[in-house]
Amino acid sequence: MSRKKERLAEDADFVRSACTDVEVQEITVDAADTDSVQQALENASEALSDIPLEFVLFNTARTGPSKFFDFSAEELEADLRVCNIVWSIEIIR
């Protein structure tokens, strides 16, 4: 799973070339959007078919150059959404 389709495709191609006996699913997700995260988890569950989805490693962050205290309200809100998305999904379930 990744937000950037291009990077996801590159990573998937790398895994496919390194491990020919695995199936790689490419699932895009926007971690700041609860609907996108829910859809991505549903897509992962479908891809696994009869194997239950038991674990998701949540390793996301918004990174980029910025000056201390120089964030707009929208940027701060997006950061908080990324930080709280896992908690929100658990509440929804």
Protein backbone atom coordinates (compact mmCIF):
# COMPACT_ATOMS: atom_id res chain seq x y z
CA MET A 1 0.00 0.00 0.00
CA SER A 2 1.15 3.47 -0.85
CA ARG A 3 -0.27 6.87 -1.70
CA LYS A 4 2.02 7.30 -4.70
CA LYS A 5 1.09 4.91 -7.52
CA GLU A 6 4.44 5.34 -9.29
CA ARG A 7 6.51 4.49 -6.23
CA LEU A 8 4.21 1.59 -5.42
CA ALA A 9 4.65 0.20 -8.93
CA GLU A 10 8.45 0.50 -8.64
CA ASP A 11 8.49 -1.26 -5.27
CA ALA A 12 6.15 -3.98 -6.53
CA ASP A 13 8.34 -4.57 -9.60
CA PHE A 14 11.40 -4.83 -7.36
CA VAL A 15 9.73 -7.44 -5.14
CA ARG A 16 8.48 -9.38 -8.17
CA SER A 17 11.99 -9.47 -9.66
CA ALA A 18 13.56 -10.53 -6.37
CA CYS A 19 10.94 -13.17 -5.47
CA THR A 20 9.36 -14.88 -8.43
CA ASP A 21 7.17 -17.16 -6.32
CA VAL A 22 5.13 -14.41 -4.61
CA GLU A 23 1.99 -12.54 -5.60
CA VAL A 24 2.25 -8.79 -5.19
CA GLN A 25 -0.86 -6.63 -4.92
CA GLU A 26 -0.60 -2.89 -5.52
CA ILE A 27 -3.13 -0.99 -3.40
CA THR A 28 -3.13 2.80 -3.23
CA VAL A 29 -4.26 4.61 -0.10
CA ASP A 30 -4.38 8.15 1.26
CA ALA A 31 -3.68 7.81 4.98
CA ALA A 32 -5.29 11.18 5.71
CA ASP A 33 -8.62 9.99 4.32
CA THR A 34 -10.54 7.47 6.44
CA ASP A 35 -12.64 6.32 3.46
CA SER A 36 -9.48 5.64 1.44
CA VAL A 37 -7.95 3.65 4.30
CA GLN A 38 -11.12 1.63 4.78
CA GLN A 39 -11.27 0.88 1.02
CA ALA A 40 -7.60 -0.12 0.97
CA LEU A 41 -8.13 -2.55 3.85
CA GLU A 42 -11.15 -4.02 2.07
CA ASN A 43 -9.09 -4.38 -1.13
CA ALA A 44 -6.34 -6.13 0.82
CA SER A 45 -8.87 -8.47 2.41
CA GLU A 46 -10.34 -9.30 -1.01
CA ALA A 47 -6.88 -9.92 -2.45
CA LEU A 48 -6.17 -12.39 0.34
CA SER A 49 -9.36 -14.27 -0.53
CA ASP A 50 -9.92 -16.95 2.15
CA ILE A 51 -6.93 -15.88 4.26
CA PRO A 52 -8.10 -13.46 6.99
CA LEU A 53 -6.37 -10.09 7.18
CA GLU A 54 -4.87 -10.17 10.67
CA PHE A 55 -2.25 -7.46 10.73
CA VAL A 56 -1.45 -4.16 9.04
CA LEU A 57 1.82 -2.34 9.74
CA PHE A 58 0.97 1.34 9.86
CA ASN A 59 4.14 3.18 8.89
CA THR A 60 3.05 6.48 7.47
CA ALA A 61 4.04 10.09 7.90
CA ARG A 62 3.85 13.40 6.16
CA THR A 63 7.36 14.61 5.54
CA GLY A 64 8.87 17.53 3.72
CA PRO A 65 10.82 20.70 4.23
CA SER A 66 9.21 23.32 6.45
CA LYS A 67 10.11 26.08 8.84
CA PHE A 68 9.32 25.75 12.52
CA PHE A 69 5.89 27.29 13.27
CA ASP A 70 5.33 27.98 9.56
CA PHE A 71 2.39 25.63 8.91
CA SER A 72 -1.00 26.60 7.60
CA ALA A 73 -4.07 25.31 9.41
CA GLU A 74 -4.74 22.95 6.49
CA GLU A 75 -1.25 21.41 6.70
CA LEU A 76 -1.58 20.91 10.44
CA GLU A 77 -4.99 19.28 9.99
CA ALA A 78 -3.56 16.89 7.35
CA ASP A 79 -0.74 15.93 9.75
CA LEU A 80 -3.22 15.22 12.52
CA ARG A 81 -5.38 13.14 10.20
CA VAL A 82 -2.42 10.92 9.30
CA CYS A 83 -1.54 10.49 12.98
CA ASN A 84 -5.09 9.62 14.04
CA ILE A 85 -6.32 7.49 11.15
CA VAL A 86 -5.67 4.13 12.81
CA TRP A 87 -7.53 5.19 15.94
CA SER A 88 -10.45 6.38 13.77
CA ILE A 89 -10.67 3.11 11.86
CA GLU A 90 -10.81 1.16 15.12
CA ILE A 91 -13.67 3.39 16.36
CA ILE A 92 -15.57 2.82 13.08
CA ARG A 93 -15.33 -0.96 13.41
